[in-house]
Protein backbone atom coordinates (compact mmCIF):
# COMPACT_ATOMS: atom_id res chain seq x y z
CA UNK A 1 0.07 -0.14 -0.13
CA UNK A 2 2.78 2.35 1.00
CA UNK A 3 4.39 1.70 -2.29
CA UNK A 4 1.04 2.29 -4.27
CA UNK A 5 1.10 5.99 -2.28
CA UNK A 6 4.48 6.54 -3.09
CA UNK A 7 3.69 5.96 -6.95
CA UNK A 8 0.83 7.94 -7.28
CA UNK A 9 2.56 10.87 -5.44
CA UNK A 10 5.10 10.33 -8.19
CA UNK A 11 2.70 10.01 -10.85
CA UNK A 12 1.30 13.47 -9.41
CA UNK A 13 4.52 15.24 -9.60
CA UNK A 14 5.21 13.76 -12.98
CA UNK A 15 1.62 14.83 -14.48
CA UNK A 16 2.54 18.66 -12.54
CA UNK A 17 5.75 19.11 -14.31
CA UNK A 18 4.39 18.04 -17.74
CA UNK A 19 1.41 20.51 -17.74
CA UNK A 20 3.84 23.30 -16.13
CA UNK A 21 6.34 22.40 -19.42
CA UNK A 22 3.35 22.62 -21.75
CA UNK A 23 2.34 25.76 -20.03
CA UNK A 24 5.67 27.30 -20.54
CA UNK A 25 5.90 26.16 -24.01
CA UNK A 26 2.33 27.81 -25.06
CA UNK A 27 3.47 31.02 -23.50
CA UNK A 28 6.87 30.81 -25.11
CA UNK A 29 5.23 30.15 -28.48
CA UNK A 30 2.67 33.13 -27.92
CA UNK A 31 5.28 35.43 -27.03
CA UNK A 32 7.05 34.64 -30.04
CA UNK A 33 3.82 35.24 -32.30
CA UNK A 34 3.33 38.54 -30.47
CA UNK A 35 7.08 39.56 -31.15
CA UNK A 36 6.78 38.79 -34.79
CA UNK A 37 3.63 40.43 -34.84
CA UNK A 38 4.94 43.68 -33.09
CA UNK A 39 8.18 43.48 -35.35
CA UNK A 40 5.78 43.47 -38.32
CA UNK A 41 4.00 46.47 -37.20
CA UNK A 42 7.46 48.70 -36.48
CA UNK A 43 8.58 47.93 -39.86
CA UNK A 44 5.69 49.46 -41.38
CA UNK A 45 6.06 52.48 -38.52
CA UNK A 46 9.52 52.59 -39.76
CA UNK A 47 8.55 52.60 -43.74
CA UNK A 48 5.93 55.24 -43.36
CA UNK A 49 8.25 57.45 -41.26
CA UNK A 50 10.87 57.53 -43.69
CA UNK A 51 8.22 58.02 -46.24
CA UNK A 52 7.22 60.92 -44.32
CA UNK A 53 10.84 62.19 -43.67
CA UNK A 54 11.51 62.37 -47.46
CA UNK A 55 8.26 64.36 -48.18
CA UNK A 56 9.54 66.67 -45.65
CA UNK A 57 12.26 67.28 -46.96
CA UNK A 58 11.14 67.50 -50.47
CA UNK A 59 8.55 70.43 -49.03
CA UNK A 60 11.34 72.06 -47.28
CA UNK A 61 13.51 72.01 -50.92
CA UNK A 62 10.59 73.08 -52.77
CA UNK A 63 10.24 76.31 -50.33
CA UNK A 64 13.46 77.05 -50.44
CA UNK A 65 13.61 77.21 -54.29
CA UNK A 66 10.12 79.08 -54.95
CA UNK A 67 9.90 81.22 -52.07
């Protein structure tokens, strides 16, 4: 009976470890996905900022030439 109780405790600990590892893996994958989304958004923002900067420079150059 004592061996059965120890075996049951061991199985519970193993089950807990497996669930804990699975949850860590799920969180890890979720964070990687979020990072990927944020990197794509940042790339889009950088592209827009670069384009806006060029447009501003062209506007300043135009103003200097025709004013």
